[in-house]
């Protein structure tokens, strides 16, 4: 990886970065929209909101030819950001100063349906603070009285293997298999060694971009906990990689092992197949809100109708 890619990966995994605290995507209308404004960040402090359409940034008018990466590059290269957004047919202007912010990887929500209170936890990456963020968010959700949980791993391409291990251990009974590793001359089975566990029903959302550490967590929850997978087949990365920084601050990634699910399957190039296959609709791509998210709605439907079945 060149220095730019190395810096991006390092920032993403270490848990903090210089930025505004937003995530942007290009929607089906070819607009660049703010998908998430994270709490306690420069963006949230000035009043930027989810679904704001970015129409201009630092004097550059945004057209359908621009990508989300173009916006990220402008933000990375400048300390002060002037951003114009479209919101409810109004054009609003914001001046934002970049700061060092924690890289947020967890989002939560609570849904109520048919007398059920269903927690929702989105995990977007397995960075160095992912387990702490998940633990804190779980406690908040549980204190609100949830009786089941949706864990959203869609679009999560992985990160630190140790974080997948730590997060899985929050749910599994002590002694349950999380995964196993096969090197050139070794084969190690990784078990849950903690006394922490949970026993409510869980649905895990996956898609074609759910990869690596995400697939490890999803398979552990499915096979050693009893969770249901909903969505589309995952990416299929059944290898473990390590990194090494070179003298010129570039980096190499190299494969050191294969990993296997608790039942002994290697899903490399195959992926995890969901127990219930659900595709996103065109309506969601045009308007990415919860009500249009067919995969999330299916998960809520399942959990609102199930009695607790985790053994």
Protein backbone atom coordinates (compact mmCIF):
# COMPACT_ATOMS: atom_id res chain seq x y z
CA UNK A 1 0.00 0.00 0.00
CA UNK A 2 1.28 3.51 -0.80
CA UNK A 3 1.63 6.16 1.91
CA UNK A 4 -1.87 7.58 1.42
CA UNK A 5 -3.49 4.15 1.77
CA UNK A 6 -1.21 3.35 4.71
CA UNK A 7 -2.19 6.56 6.52
CA UNK A 8 -5.89 5.91 5.91
CA UNK A 9 -5.72 2.34 7.24
CA UNK A 10 -3.64 3.38 10.26
CA UNK A 11 -6.06 6.17 11.16
CA UNK A 12 -9.06 3.90 10.68
CA UNK A 13 -7.69 1.14 12.88
CA UNK A 14 -6.14 3.21 15.67
CA UNK A 15 -9.52 4.65 16.61
CA UNK A 16 -9.14 8.39 16.01
CA UNK A 17 -8.43 10.77 13.15
CA UNK A 18 -8.39 14.42 12.07
CA UNK A 19 -11.77 15.22 10.57
CA UNK A 20 -15.32 16.49 10.87
CA UNK A 21 -17.09 13.39 12.19
CA UNK A 22 -19.25 12.55 9.17
CA UNK A 23 -19.72 9.63 6.79
CA UNK A 24 -20.72 10.42 3.20
CA UNK A 25 -22.07 8.27 0.36
CA UNK A 26 -23.26 8.74 -3.22
CA UNK A 27 -26.93 7.80 -3.53
CA UNK A 28 -28.90 6.49 -6.51
CA UNK A 29 -29.70 10.08 -7.55
CA UNK A 30 -25.92 10.64 -7.88
CA UNK A 31 -26.02 13.08 -4.97
CA UNK A 32 -23.37 13.13 -2.26
CA UNK A 33 -25.25 12.90 1.03
CA UNK A 34 -24.18 12.85 4.66
CA UNK A 35 -25.07 9.35 5.81
CA UNK A 36 -24.08 9.87 9.45
CA UNK A 37 -23.18 12.82 11.65
CA UNK A 38 -21.50 11.37 14.72
CA UNK A 39 -22.04 12.68 18.24
CA UNK A 40 -19.57 15.04 19.91
CA UNK A 41 -17.81 15.96 16.67
CA UNK A 42 -17.22 19.27 14.85
CA UNK A 43 -20.00 18.40 12.36
CA UNK A 44 -22.58 17.77 15.08
CA UNK A 45 -21.57 20.94 16.93
CA UNK A 46 -22.26 23.21 13.94
CA UNK A 47 -25.59 21.53 13.10
CA UNK A 48 -24.93 19.31 10.08
CA UNK A 49 -27.49 16.49 9.89
CA UNK A 50 -27.98 13.05 8.40
CA UNK A 51 -29.29 13.13 4.79
CA UNK A 52 -27.99 16.65 4.12
CA UNK A 53 -27.05 16.83 0.42
CA UNK A 54 -23.61 18.37 -0.11
CA UNK A 55 -23.83 20.87 -2.98
CA UNK A 56 -20.57 22.79 -2.47
CA UNK A 57 -17.39 22.34 -0.42
CA UNK A 58 -14.60 24.92 -0.14
CA UNK A 59 -15.81 26.64 -3.29
CA UNK A 60 -16.09 23.46 -5.38
CA UNK A 61 -19.62 22.88 -6.66
CA UNK A 62 -20.55 19.22 -6.36
CA UNK A 63 -21.85 17.53 -9.52
CA UNK A 64 -22.88 13.99 -10.40
CA UNK A 65 -19.29 13.40 -11.54
CA UNK A 66 -17.95 13.75 -7.99
CA UNK A 67 -17.54 10.74 -5.71
CA UNK A 68 -17.69 10.38 -1.94
CA UNK A 69 -13.90 9.92 -2.06
CA UNK A 70 -13.57 13.35 -3.67
CA UNK A 71 -15.32 14.90 -0.68
CA UNK A 72 -13.14 12.97 1.75
CA UNK A 73 -10.00 14.14 -0.06
CA UNK A 74 -11.01 17.81 0.16
CA UNK A 75 -11.72 17.43 3.88
CA UNK A 76 -8.40 15.65 4.43
CA UNK A 77 -6.38 18.33 2.64
CA UNK A 78 -7.89 21.34 4.45
CA UNK A 79 -8.09 22.37 8.10
CA UNK A 80 -11.11 24.66 7.66
CA UNK A 81 -14.14 23.48 5.69
CA UNK A 82 -16.89 25.62 4.21
CA UNK A 83 -19.81 23.40 3.23
CA UNK A 84 -23.13 24.20 1.58
CA UNK A 85 -25.88 21.61 1.88
CA UNK A 86 -29.41 21.19 0.61
CA UNK A 87 -31.96 20.40 3.34
CA UNK A 88 -35.74 20.48 2.83
CA UNK A 89 -35.42 22.65 -0.30
CA UNK A 90 -33.20 25.14 1.57
CA UNK A 91 -29.50 25.78 1.01
CA UNK A 92 -27.60 26.07 4.29
CA UNK A 93 -23.97 27.07 4.80
CA UNK A 94 -21.64 25.77 7.52
CA UNK A 95 -18.06 26.56 8.52
CA UNK A 96 -16.36 23.68 10.29
CA UNK A 97 -12.88 23.30 11.81
CA UNK A 98 -11.36 19.83 11.78
CA UNK A 99 -10.38 18.31 15.12
CA UNK A 100 -9.00 15.01 16.40
CA UNK A 101 -12.10 12.90 16.93
CA UNK A 102 -12.69 9.30 17.92
CA UNK A 103 -13.46 7.15 14.93
CA UNK A 104 -17.05 6.10 15.75
CA UNK A 105 -17.84 2.54 14.72
CA UNK A 106 -21.06 1.88 16.64
CA UNK A 107 -24.56 3.27 16.16
CA UNK A 108 -27.62 2.27 18.16
CA UNK A 109 -31.38 2.57 18.10
CA UNK A 110 -34.39 0.94 19.74
CA UNK A 111 -37.42 -0.32 17.81
CA UNK A 112 -40.74 -1.31 19.35
CA UNK A 113 -43.13 -3.71 17.65
CA UNK A 114 -45.86 -6.08 18.91
CA UNK A 115 -44.94 -5.50 22.57
CA UNK A 116 -41.29 -6.27 21.80
CA UNK A 117 -38.44 -3.85 22.44
CA UNK A 118 -35.70 -4.61 19.92
CA UNK A 119 -32.22 -3.14 20.16
CA UNK A 120 -30.27 -2.24 17.04
CA UNK A 121 -26.47 -2.07 17.06
CA UNK A 122 -24.57 -1.17 13.90
CA UNK A 123 -20.85 -1.99 13.87
CA UNK A 124 -18.96 -0.47 10.95
CA UNK A 125 -15.36 -1.49 11.68
CA UNK A 126 -13.22 -3.49 14.10
CA UNK A 127 -10.82 -0.71 15.10
CA UNK A 128 -8.80 -0.50 18.31
CA UNK A 129 -11.74 0.86 20.33
CA UNK A 130 -14.52 -1.28 18.82
CA UNK A 131 -14.94 -3.58 21.83
CA UNK A 132 -15.20 -0.66 24.26
CA UNK A 133 -17.75 1.06 22.03
CA UNK A 134 -19.82 -2.12 21.67
CA UNK A 135 -19.70 -2.83 25.42
CA UNK A 136 -20.82 0.69 26.30
CA UNK A 137 -23.58 0.66 23.69
CA UNK A 138 -24.87 -2.75 24.79
CA UNK A 139 -25.18 -1.56 28.38
CA UNK A 140 -27.17 1.50 27.26
CA UNK A 141 -29.48 -0.61 25.10
CA UNK A 142 -30.03 -3.17 27.85
CA UNK A 143 -30.71 -0.46 30.42
CA UNK A 144 -33.54 0.70 28.14
CA UNK A 145 -35.18 -2.73 28.50
CA UNK A 146 -34.56 -4.42 25.15
CA UNK A 147 -35.54 -8.09 24.87
CA UNK A 148 -33.66 -8.92 21.64
CA UNK A 149 -30.98 -7.43 19.39
CA UNK A 150 -30.15 -6.76 15.74
CA UNK A 151 -26.42 -6.56 15.02
CA UNK A 152 -25.78 -4.85 11.69
CA UNK A 153 -22.50 -5.90 10.04
CA UNK A 154 -23.41 -4.79 6.52
CA UNK A 155 -20.58 -2.95 4.82
CA UNK A 156 -18.16 -3.84 7.62
CA UNK A 157 -14.98 -5.03 5.90
CA UNK A 158 -13.20 -6.03 9.10
CA UNK A 159 -10.23 -4.85 11.13
CA UNK A 160 -8.46 -6.27 14.16
CA UNK A 161 -9.03 -9.98 14.74
CA UNK A 162 -8.66 -9.44 18.49
CA UNK A 163 -11.70 -7.17 18.43
CA UNK A 164 -13.86 -9.87 16.81
CA UNK A 165 -12.72 -12.23 19.55
CA UNK A 166 -13.46 -9.72 22.31
CA UNK A 167 -16.91 -8.79 20.99
CA UNK A 168 -17.97 -12.40 20.40
CA UNK A 169 -16.97 -13.15 24.00
CA UNK A 170 -19.54 -10.64 25.23
CA UNK A 171 -22.31 -12.95 23.98
CA UNK A 172 -21.09 -16.57 24.05
CA UNK A 173 -21.02 -18.91 27.01
CA UNK A 174 -17.56 -19.64 28.40
CA UNK A 175 -15.92 -22.50 26.51
CA UNK A 176 -17.82 -21.99 23.24
CA UNK A 177 -15.77 -21.91 20.03
CA UNK A 178 -15.32 -18.50 18.40
CA UNK A 179 -13.14 -19.64 15.47
CA UNK A 180 -10.02 -21.67 14.72
CA UNK A 181 -6.82 -20.74 12.91
CA UNK A 182 -4.65 -22.86 10.65
CA UNK A 183 -1.10 -21.74 9.90
CA UNK A 184 1.62 -23.59 8.01
CA UNK A 185 2.33 -25.89 10.94
CA UNK A 186 -0.27 -24.98 13.56
CA UNK A 187 -3.98 -25.32 14.22
CA UNK A 188 -5.42 -23.39 17.17
CA UNK A 189 -9.02 -23.29 18.38
CA UNK A 190 -10.06 -20.01 19.98
CA UNK A 191 -12.60 -20.39 22.79
CA UNK A 192 -14.55 -17.86 24.81
CA UNK A 193 -12.63 -17.59 28.07
CA UNK A 194 -14.80 -14.96 29.76
CA UNK A 195 -17.70 -15.30 32.17
CA UNK A 196 -19.68 -12.61 30.34
CA UNK A 197 -22.60 -13.89 28.28
CA UNK A 198 -26.05 -12.97 27.03
CA UNK A 199 -29.16 -15.01 26.28
CA UNK A 200 -31.58 -12.94 24.22
CA UNK A 201 -32.40 -13.58 20.57
CA UNK A 202 -30.10 -12.03 17.99
CA UNK A 203 -30.40 -11.41 14.26
CA UNK A 204 -27.21 -10.48 12.39
CA UNK A 205 -27.49 -8.46 9.16
CA UNK A 206 -24.89 -9.26 6.49
CA UNK A 207 -24.25 -8.36 2.86
CA UNK A 208 -21.62 -8.77 0.14
CA UNK A 209 -19.34 -6.24 1.89
CA UNK A 210 -19.43 -8.06 5.24
CA UNK A 211 -15.90 -9.44 5.35
CA UNK A 212 -13.08 -10.88 7.41
CA UNK A 213 -13.50 -10.06 11.14
CA UNK A 214 -17.20 -9.37 10.47
CA UNK A 215 -17.61 -12.87 9.09
CA UNK A 216 -15.79 -14.30 12.11
CA UNK A 217 -18.21 -12.55 14.48
CA UNK A 218 -21.26 -13.43 12.39
CA UNK A 219 -20.34 -17.12 12.15
CA UNK A 220 -19.55 -17.32 15.88
CA UNK A 221 -22.92 -15.81 16.75
CA UNK A 222 -24.68 -18.12 14.31
CA UNK A 223 -22.99 -21.40 15.20
CA UNK A 224 -22.06 -20.94 18.89
CA UNK A 225 -24.92 -18.69 20.01
CA UNK A 226 -27.88 -19.48 17.77
CA UNK A 227 -28.26 -16.14 15.98
CA UNK A 228 -30.09 -15.90 12.65
CA UNK A 229 -28.30 -14.36 9.65
CA UNK A 230 -30.44 -12.11 7.42
CA UNK A 231 -29.47 -10.33 4.20
CA UNK A 232 -27.27 -11.51 1.34
CA UNK A 233 -24.18 -13.74 1.12
CA UNK A 234 -21.11 -12.18 2.73
CA UNK A 235 -17.81 -11.40 0.99
CA UNK A 236 -15.95 -14.62 1.78
CA UNK A 237 -12.57 -13.71 3.23
CA UNK A 238 -11.38 -16.79 5.07
CA UNK A 239 -7.79 -15.66 5.52
CA UNK A 240 -6.03 -13.73 8.28
CA UNK A 241 -3.59 -10.98 7.35
CA UNK A 242 -0.95 -9.01 9.20
CA UNK A 243 0.70 -5.73 8.25
CA UNK A 244 4.27 -4.48 8.29
CA UNK A 245 5.33 -0.84 7.90
CA UNK A 246 8.32 -0.28 5.62
CA UNK A 247 11.11 2.28 6.03
CA UNK A 248 9.45 4.76 3.65
CA UNK A 249 6.17 4.70 5.66
CA UNK A 250 4.41 2.51 3.13
CA UNK A 251 2.96 -0.82 4.21
CA UNK A 252 2.57 -4.42 3.09
CA UNK A 253 -0.20 -6.86 4.01
CA UNK A 254 0.56 -10.56 4.03
CA UNK A 255 -1.50 -13.66 4.74
CA UNK A 256 -0.51 -15.70 7.80
CA UNK A 257 -3.37 -18.17 8.36
CA UNK A 258 -6.76 -19.48 7.34
CA UNK A 259 -9.64 -19.18 9.78
CA UNK A 260 -12.53 -21.61 10.25
CA UNK A 261 -16.02 -21.21 11.68
CA UNK A 262 -16.94 -23.03 14.94
CA UNK A 263 -18.28 -25.96 12.89
CA UNK A 264 -15.00 -26.18 10.93
CA UNK A 265 -15.93 -24.47 7.64
CA UNK A 266 -13.58 -22.19 5.71
CA UNK A 267 -15.68 -19.63 3.85
CA UNK A 268 -12.91 -18.13 1.69
CA UNK A 269 -14.37 -17.05 -1.71
CA UNK A 270 -17.69 -18.63 -0.63
CA UNK A 271 -19.00 -16.37 2.08
CA UNK A 272 -21.60 -16.91 4.77
CA UNK A 273 -25.06 -17.64 3.41
CA UNK A 274 -27.89 -16.01 5.36
CA UNK A 275 -30.58 -18.19 6.87
CA UNK A 276 -33.09 -15.74 5.42
CA UNK A 277 -32.12 -14.04 2.17
CA UNK A 278 -33.45 -10.50 1.72
CA UNK A 279 -32.40 -7.90 -0.86
CA UNK A 280 -32.59 -4.13 -0.51
CA UNK A 281 -35.13 -2.40 -2.73
CA UNK A 282 -34.80 0.54 -5.09
CA UNK A 283 -36.84 2.59 -2.60
CA UNK A 284 -34.09 2.20 0.00
CA UNK A 285 -31.37 3.23 -2.44
CA UNK A 286 -33.34 6.38 -3.27
CA UNK A 287 -34.23 7.07 0.36
CA UNK A 288 -32.03 5.14 2.84
CA UNK A 289 -34.22 5.31 5.94
CA UNK A 290 -35.12 2.49 8.34
CA UNK A 291 -38.66 2.12 7.01
CA UNK A 292 -37.32 1.34 3.51
CA UNK A 293 -34.65 -1.08 4.77
CA UNK A 294 -36.16 -4.48 3.89
CA UNK A 295 -33.37 -6.40 5.64
CA UNK A 296 -33.74 -4.50 8.90
CA UNK A 297 -37.53 -4.73 8.76
CA UNK A 298 -37.30 -8.51 8.28
CA UNK A 299 -34.99 -8.75 11.32
CA UNK A 300 -37.45 -6.75 13.43
CA UNK A 301 -40.32 -8.91 12.20
CA UNK A 302 -38.45 -12.09 13.18
CA UNK A 303 -37.55 -10.83 16.65
CA UNK A 304 -40.97 -9.40 17.42
CA UNK A 305 -42.58 -12.81 16.75
CA UNK A 306 -40.02 -15.05 18.46
CA UNK A 307 -39.94 -16.19 22.02
CA UNK A 308 -36.48 -16.44 23.52
CA UNK A 309 -34.88 -19.55 22.02
CA UNK A 310 -31.19 -19.18 22.88
CA UNK A 311 -29.93 -22.22 24.80
